[in-house]
């Protein structure tokens, strides 16, 4: 996929057209997920297997948004969020194999959420430029 980038466990920051992704992994503190700021996503780090890939979302991409049982098309999710065409063009997904882990800056997949058993969390901060 053109414009895709590989994320290793040691990756701390990556720049893309329209934004920068910053990664930090640490011991999980319960309740942290309720203190997230805009653009921040929190995952259970033990559910993530490297290397990961970040790429522009593609037509037909599906994921299971946090809190939902069923899958949703990324295009429908972005439309529901009322993103402009320009914003959609600089929207990226992080994938593990063929599974979408998150839409950077927007939502994680329910499959990678933190739980009471989470020991390490991965914080992904998306900053638009």
N, C-alpha and C. Protein backbone atom coordinates (compact mmCIF):
# COMPACT_ATOMS: atom_id res chain seq x y z
N UNK A 1 0.86 -1.19 0.00
CA UNK A 1 0.00 0.00 0.00
C UNK A 1 0.89 1.24 0.00
N UNK A 2 0.71 2.12 -0.98
CA UNK A 2 1.53 3.35 -0.96
C UNK A 2 1.18 4.18 0.26
N UNK A 3 2.13 4.94 0.75
CA UNK A 3 1.94 5.82 1.92
C UNK A 3 1.78 5.05 3.23
N UNK A 4 2.02 3.74 3.22
CA UNK A 4 1.92 3.02 4.48
C UNK A 4 3.27 3.04 5.18
N UNK A 5 3.22 2.99 6.52
CA UNK A 5 4.44 2.99 7.32
C UNK A 5 4.34 1.89 8.36
N UNK A 6 5.49 1.29 8.66
CA UNK A 6 5.55 0.21 9.63
C UNK A 6 5.85 0.78 11.01
N UNK A 7 5.13 0.29 12.01
CA UNK A 7 5.32 0.71 13.39
C UNK A 7 5.95 -0.46 14.15
N UNK A 8 7.12 -0.22 14.75
CA UNK A 8 7.77 -1.21 15.58
C UNK A 8 7.47 -0.91 17.05
N UNK A 9 7.76 -1.86 17.91
CA UNK A 9 7.55 -1.65 19.35
C UNK A 9 8.31 -0.42 19.85
N UNK A 10 9.45 -0.12 19.21
CA UNK A 10 10.29 1.00 19.66
C UNK A 10 9.93 2.34 19.02
N UNK A 11 8.97 2.33 18.08
CA UNK A 11 8.58 3.58 17.41
C UNK A 11 7.94 4.54 18.42
N UNK A 12 8.39 5.79 18.42
CA UNK A 12 7.84 6.79 19.34
C UNK A 12 7.02 7.86 18.61
N UNK A 13 7.35 8.14 17.33
CA UNK A 13 6.68 9.21 16.62
C UNK A 13 6.77 8.98 15.12
N UNK A 14 5.72 9.34 14.38
CA UNK A 14 5.72 9.25 12.92
C UNK A 14 4.95 10.44 12.38
N UNK A 15 5.43 10.95 11.25
CA UNK A 15 4.77 12.10 10.62
C UNK A 15 4.09 11.65 9.33
N UNK A 16 2.89 12.15 9.11
CA UNK A 16 2.09 11.85 7.93
C UNK A 16 1.57 13.14 7.35
N UNK A 17 1.12 13.12 6.09
CA UNK A 17 0.42 14.31 5.58
C UNK A 17 -0.79 14.57 6.49
N UNK A 18 -0.86 15.75 7.07
CA UNK A 18 -2.00 16.10 7.91
C UNK A 18 -1.83 15.83 9.39
N UNK A 19 -0.75 15.16 9.80
CA UNK A 19 -0.64 14.92 11.24
C UNK A 19 0.59 14.15 11.67
N UNK A 20 0.69 13.98 12.97
CA UNK A 20 1.79 13.23 13.58
C UNK A 20 1.18 12.28 14.61
N UNK A 21 1.70 11.05 14.62
CA UNK A 21 1.28 10.06 15.61
C UNK A 21 2.41 9.88 16.61
N UNK A 22 2.07 9.93 17.89
CA UNK A 22 3.04 9.69 18.96
C UNK A 22 2.58 8.47 19.75
N UNK A 23 3.54 7.61 20.11
CA UNK A 23 3.24 6.36 20.81
C UNK A 23 3.97 6.31 22.14
N UNK A 24 3.28 5.91 23.19
CA UNK A 24 3.95 5.67 24.47
C UNK A 24 3.29 4.48 25.16
N UNK A 25 4.14 3.57 25.62
CA UNK A 25 3.66 2.37 26.29
C UNK A 25 4.11 2.42 27.73
N UNK A 26 3.20 2.12 28.64
CA UNK A 26 3.56 2.15 30.06
C UNK A 26 2.66 1.23 30.86
N UNK A 27 3.02 1.07 32.12
CA UNK A 27 2.20 0.28 33.04
C UNK A 27 0.81 0.92 33.07
N UNK A 28 -0.22 0.11 32.95
CA UNK A 28 -1.58 0.67 32.88
C UNK A 28 -2.08 1.07 34.27
N UNK A 29 -2.65 2.26 34.32
CA UNK A 29 -3.30 2.75 35.53
C UNK A 29 -4.80 2.74 35.28
N UNK A 30 -5.55 2.00 36.11
CA UNK A 30 -7.00 1.92 35.93
C UNK A 30 -7.61 3.33 35.98
N UNK A 31 -8.56 3.58 35.09
CA UNK A 31 -9.23 4.88 35.05
C UNK A 31 -8.59 5.84 34.07
N UNK A 32 -7.43 5.49 33.54
CA UNK A 32 -6.73 6.37 32.60
C UNK A 32 -7.58 6.66 31.36
N UNK A 33 -8.36 5.64 30.93
CA UNK A 33 -9.16 5.80 29.71
C UNK A 33 -10.20 6.92 29.85
N UNK A 34 -10.59 7.27 31.08
CA UNK A 34 -11.58 8.33 31.27
C UNK A 34 -10.93 9.72 31.26
N UNK A 35 -9.61 9.77 31.23
CA UNK A 35 -8.90 11.06 31.27
C UNK A 35 -8.27 11.43 29.93
N UNK A 36 -8.64 10.72 28.87
CA UNK A 36 -8.03 10.98 27.56
C UNK A 36 -8.47 12.33 27.01
N UNK A 37 -7.56 12.97 26.30
CA UNK A 37 -7.87 14.24 25.64
C UNK A 37 -8.23 13.97 24.19
N UNK A 38 -8.71 14.99 23.51
CA UNK A 38 -9.06 14.86 22.11
C UNK A 38 -7.85 14.37 21.31
N UNK A 39 -8.07 13.38 20.44
CA UNK A 39 -6.98 12.85 19.62
C UNK A 39 -6.19 11.74 20.28
N UNK A 40 -6.49 11.43 21.55
CA UNK A 40 -5.76 10.37 22.24
C UNK A 40 -6.57 9.07 22.27
N UNK A 41 -5.87 7.96 22.03
CA UNK A 41 -6.49 6.64 22.05
C UNK A 41 -5.68 5.76 22.99
N UNK A 42 -6.36 4.89 23.72
CA UNK A 42 -5.68 4.01 24.67
C UNK A 42 -6.04 2.56 24.35
N UNK A 43 -5.00 1.74 24.17
CA UNK A 43 -5.19 0.33 23.84
C UNK A 43 -4.55 -0.55 24.90
N UNK A 44 -4.98 -1.80 24.96
CA UNK A 44 -4.32 -2.80 25.80
C UNK A 44 -3.08 -3.25 25.03
N UNK A 45 -1.89 -2.89 25.52
CA UNK A 45 -0.64 -3.16 24.80
C UNK A 45 -0.38 -4.65 24.63
N UNK A 46 -0.90 -5.48 25.53
CA UNK A 46 -0.67 -6.92 25.42
C UNK A 46 -1.48 -7.56 24.28
N UNK A 47 -2.46 -6.85 23.77
CA UNK A 47 -3.25 -7.37 22.65
C UNK A 47 -2.66 -6.99 21.30
N UNK A 48 -1.66 -6.10 21.32
CA UNK A 48 -1.04 -5.58 20.10
C UNK A 48 0.21 -6.40 19.79
N UNK A 49 0.30 -6.87 18.55
CA UNK A 49 1.46 -7.67 18.13
C UNK A 49 2.16 -6.96 16.97
N UNK A 50 3.42 -6.61 17.17
CA UNK A 50 4.20 -5.87 16.18
C UNK A 50 4.79 -6.82 15.15
N UNK A 51 5.19 -6.30 13.97
CA UNK A 51 5.04 -4.90 13.55
C UNK A 51 3.61 -4.59 13.13
N UNK A 52 3.25 -3.33 13.28
CA UNK A 52 1.95 -2.83 12.85
C UNK A 52 2.15 -2.00 11.59
N UNK A 53 1.05 -1.65 10.97
CA UNK A 53 1.13 -0.80 9.77
C UNK A 53 0.14 0.33 9.93
N UNK A 54 0.56 1.53 9.53
CA UNK A 54 -0.36 2.66 9.46
C UNK A 54 -0.49 3.01 7.99
N UNK A 55 -1.73 3.13 7.54
CA UNK A 55 -1.98 3.43 6.13
C UNK A 55 -3.25 4.27 6.02
N UNK A 56 -3.40 4.94 4.86
CA UNK A 56 -4.68 5.65 4.65
C UNK A 56 -5.82 4.62 4.64
N UNK A 57 -6.98 4.99 5.15
CA UNK A 57 -8.12 4.07 5.11
C UNK A 57 -8.52 3.86 3.66
N UNK A 58 -9.11 2.73 3.39
CA UNK A 58 -9.50 2.38 2.03
C UNK A 58 -10.97 2.03 1.98
N UNK A 59 -11.56 2.22 0.82
CA UNK A 59 -12.95 1.85 0.62
C UNK A 59 -13.11 0.36 0.95
N UNK A 60 -14.13 0.02 1.72
CA UNK A 60 -14.36 -1.37 2.10
C UNK A 60 -13.77 -1.74 3.45
N UNK A 61 -12.89 -0.88 4.01
CA UNK A 61 -12.33 -1.15 5.34
C UNK A 61 -13.47 -1.22 6.36
N UNK A 62 -13.37 -2.18 7.30
CA UNK A 62 -14.35 -2.31 8.37
C UNK A 62 -13.62 -2.49 9.68
N UNK A 63 -14.25 -2.05 10.78
CA UNK A 63 -13.71 -2.30 12.12
C UNK A 63 -14.86 -2.33 13.10
N UNK A 64 -14.57 -2.69 14.34
CA UNK A 64 -15.60 -2.77 15.37
C UNK A 64 -15.36 -1.62 16.34
N UNK A 65 -16.05 -0.48 16.14
CA UNK A 65 -15.80 0.70 17.00
C UNK A 65 -16.03 0.37 18.47
N UNK A 66 -15.22 1.01 19.32
CA UNK A 66 -15.32 0.84 20.77
C UNK A 66 -16.78 0.94 21.20
N UNK A 67 -17.24 -0.06 21.96
CA UNK A 67 -18.60 -0.04 22.47
C UNK A 67 -19.64 -0.68 21.56
N UNK A 68 -19.23 -1.13 20.37
CA UNK A 68 -20.18 -1.74 19.44
C UNK A 68 -19.91 -3.23 19.30
N UNK A 69 -20.97 -4.00 19.09
CA UNK A 69 -20.82 -5.44 18.88
C UNK A 69 -20.53 -5.76 17.42
N UNK A 70 -21.14 -5.01 16.53
CA UNK A 70 -21.00 -5.32 15.11
C UNK A 70 -19.94 -4.44 14.43
N UNK A 71 -19.51 -4.90 13.27
CA UNK A 71 -18.53 -4.14 12.50
C UNK A 71 -19.21 -2.98 11.78
N UNK A 72 -18.42 -1.98 11.46
CA UNK A 72 -18.92 -0.81 10.76
C UNK A 72 -17.90 -0.43 9.69
N UNK A 73 -18.38 0.02 8.55
CA UNK A 73 -17.45 0.49 7.52
C UNK A 73 -16.79 1.78 8.00
N UNK A 74 -15.49 1.88 7.76
CA UNK A 74 -14.76 3.09 8.14
C UNK A 74 -15.37 4.30 7.45
N UNK A 75 -15.75 4.16 6.18
CA UNK A 75 -16.36 5.28 5.45
C UNK A 75 -17.63 5.77 6.15
N UNK A 76 -18.47 4.85 6.64
CA UNK A 76 -19.70 5.23 7.35
C UNK A 76 -19.37 5.89 8.68
N UNK A 77 -18.37 5.36 9.38
CA UNK A 77 -17.95 5.93 10.66
C UNK A 77 -17.50 7.39 10.46
N UNK A 78 -16.69 7.63 9.43
CA UNK A 78 -16.19 8.98 9.18
C UNK A 78 -17.32 9.93 8.76
N UNK A 79 -18.27 9.41 7.99
CA UNK A 79 -19.43 10.21 7.60
C UNK A 79 -20.27 10.57 8.82
N UNK A 80 -20.49 9.59 9.71
CA UNK A 80 -21.25 9.84 10.94
C UNK A 80 -20.56 10.91 11.80
N UNK A 81 -19.23 10.96 11.75
CA UNK A 81 -18.47 11.96 12.51
C UNK A 81 -18.45 13.32 11.81
N UNK A 82 -19.10 13.39 10.63
CA UNK A 82 -19.22 14.62 9.85
C UNK A 82 -17.86 15.18 9.41
N UNK A 83 -16.94 14.27 9.04
CA UNK A 83 -15.65 14.71 8.53
C UNK A 83 -15.80 15.22 7.10
N UNK A 84 -15.10 16.28 6.79
CA UNK A 84 -15.11 16.82 5.42
C UNK A 84 -14.29 15.90 4.52
N UNK A 85 -14.41 16.07 3.22
CA UNK A 85 -13.64 15.27 2.27
C UNK A 85 -12.15 15.48 2.50
N UNK A 86 -11.75 16.71 2.78
CA UNK A 86 -10.33 17.01 3.03
C UNK A 86 -9.84 16.27 4.28
N UNK A 87 -10.67 16.23 5.33
CA UNK A 87 -10.30 15.52 6.57
C UNK A 87 -10.21 14.02 6.32
N UNK A 88 -11.16 13.49 5.52
CA UNK A 88 -11.15 12.06 5.23
C UNK A 88 -9.88 11.65 4.48
N UNK A 89 -9.38 12.55 3.63
CA UNK A 89 -8.19 12.24 2.83
C UNK A 89 -6.94 12.09 3.69
N UNK A 90 -6.92 12.69 4.89
CA UNK A 90 -5.76 12.57 5.77
C UNK A 90 -6.12 11.78 7.04
N UNK A 91 -7.00 10.78 6.87
CA UNK A 91 -7.38 9.90 7.97
C UNK A 91 -6.68 8.55 7.75
N UNK A 92 -6.07 8.06 8.83
CA UNK A 92 -5.26 6.84 8.75
C UNK A 92 -5.78 5.77 9.70
N UNK A 93 -5.57 4.51 9.30
CA UNK A 93 -5.90 3.39 10.16
C UNK A 93 -4.60 2.69 10.55
N UNK A 94 -4.60 2.12 11.76
CA UNK A 94 -3.47 1.30 12.19
C UNK A 94 -3.96 -0.13 12.16
N UNK A 95 -3.21 -0.98 11.47
CA UNK A 95 -3.64 -2.37 11.30
C UNK A 95 -2.60 -3.36 11.82
N UNK A 96 -3.12 -4.47 12.30
CA UNK A 96 -2.31 -5.61 12.73
C UNK A 96 -2.73 -6.73 11.78
N UNK A 97 -1.86 -7.05 10.82
CA UNK A 97 -2.26 -7.99 9.77
C UNK A 97 -3.35 -7.33 8.94
N UNK A 98 -4.53 -7.94 8.93
CA UNK A 98 -5.65 -7.34 8.18
C UNK A 98 -6.68 -6.71 9.12
N UNK A 99 -6.41 -6.73 10.44
CA UNK A 99 -7.36 -6.23 11.43
C UNK A 99 -7.08 -4.76 11.76
N UNK A 100 -8.10 -3.92 11.64
CA UNK A 100 -7.95 -2.51 12.01
C UNK A 100 -7.99 -2.39 13.52
N UNK A 101 -6.92 -1.83 14.09
CA UNK A 101 -6.81 -1.62 15.54
C UNK A 101 -7.48 -0.31 15.91
N UNK A 102 -7.26 0.73 15.08
CA UNK A 102 -7.87 2.03 15.38
C UNK A 102 -7.85 2.92 14.15
N UNK A 103 -8.68 3.95 14.21
CA UNK A 103 -8.62 5.05 13.26
C UNK A 103 -7.92 6.16 14.03
N UNK A 104 -6.72 6.51 13.60
CA UNK A 104 -5.91 7.48 14.36
C UNK A 104 -6.68 8.76 14.63
N UNK A 105 -6.67 9.15 15.90
CA UNK A 105 -7.32 10.39 16.30
C UNK A 105 -8.82 10.29 16.51
N UNK A 106 -9.41 9.11 16.23
CA UNK A 106 -10.87 9.01 16.30
C UNK A 106 -11.37 7.92 17.23
N UNK A 107 -11.07 6.65 16.95
CA UNK A 107 -11.68 5.58 17.72
C UNK A 107 -10.83 4.31 17.62
N UNK A 108 -10.79 3.54 18.71
CA UNK A 108 -10.12 2.25 18.68
C UNK A 108 -11.14 1.17 18.36
N UNK A 109 -10.65 0.01 17.98
CA UNK A 109 -11.50 -1.16 17.81
C UNK A 109 -11.83 -1.70 19.20
N UNK A 110 -13.04 -2.16 19.37
CA UNK A 110 -13.47 -2.74 20.64
C UNK A 110 -12.60 -3.95 21.03
N UNK A 111 -12.00 -4.59 20.03
CA UNK A 111 -11.17 -5.78 20.27
C UNK A 111 -9.87 -5.46 21.00
N UNK A 112 -9.47 -4.18 21.05
CA UNK A 112 -8.18 -3.80 21.65
C UNK A 112 -8.34 -2.88 22.86
N UNK A 113 -9.57 -2.82 23.40
CA UNK A 113 -9.82 -1.91 24.52
C UNK A 113 -9.15 -2.39 25.81
N UNK A 114 -8.88 -1.45 26.70
CA UNK A 114 -8.34 -1.80 28.01
C UNK A 114 -9.47 -2.38 28.87
N UNK A 115 -9.09 -3.25 29.81
CA UNK A 115 -10.06 -3.87 30.71
C UNK A 115 -9.47 -3.88 32.11
N UNK A 116 -10.21 -4.46 33.05
CA UNK A 116 -9.70 -4.54 34.43
C UNK A 116 -8.45 -5.41 34.51
N UNK A 117 -8.22 -6.25 33.49
CA UNK A 117 -7.05 -7.13 33.47
C UNK A 117 -5.84 -6.53 32.75
N UNK A 118 -6.02 -5.34 32.17
CA UNK A 118 -4.93 -4.72 31.40
C UNK A 118 -3.75 -4.39 32.31
N UNK A 119 -2.56 -4.81 31.90
CA UNK A 119 -1.35 -4.54 32.67
C UNK A 119 -0.50 -3.43 32.04
N UNK A 120 -0.45 -3.41 30.70
CA UNK A 120 0.31 -2.38 29.99
C UNK A 120 -0.62 -1.73 28.98
N UNK A 121 -0.54 -0.42 28.87
CA UNK A 121 -1.37 0.26 27.88
C UNK A 121 -0.49 0.99 26.87
N UNK A 122 -1.04 1.15 25.69
CA UNK A 122 -0.39 1.88 24.61
C UNK A 122 -1.22 3.12 24.35
N UNK A 123 -0.61 4.29 24.56
CA UNK A 123 -1.29 5.55 24.30
C UNK A 123 -0.85 6.05 22.94
N UNK A 124 -1.82 6.34 22.07
CA UNK A 124 -1.53 6.89 20.75
C UNK A 124 -2.14 8.27 20.70
N UNK A 125 -1.28 9.26 20.49
CA UNK A 125 -1.75 10.65 20.41
C UNK A 125 -1.62 11.12 18.97
N UNK A 126 -2.72 11.58 18.39
CA UNK A 126 -2.72 12.10 17.02
C UNK A 126 -2.78 13.62 17.10
N UNK A 127 -1.78 14.27 16.50
CA UNK A 127 -1.75 15.73 16.47
C UNK A 127 -1.85 16.17 15.02
N UNK A 128 -2.86 16.97 14.71
CA UNK A 128 -2.99 17.47 13.35
C UNK A 128 -2.01 18.61 13.12
N UNK A 129 -1.49 18.67 11.90
CA UNK A 129 -0.53 19.74 11.56
C UNK A 129 -1.05 20.56 10.41
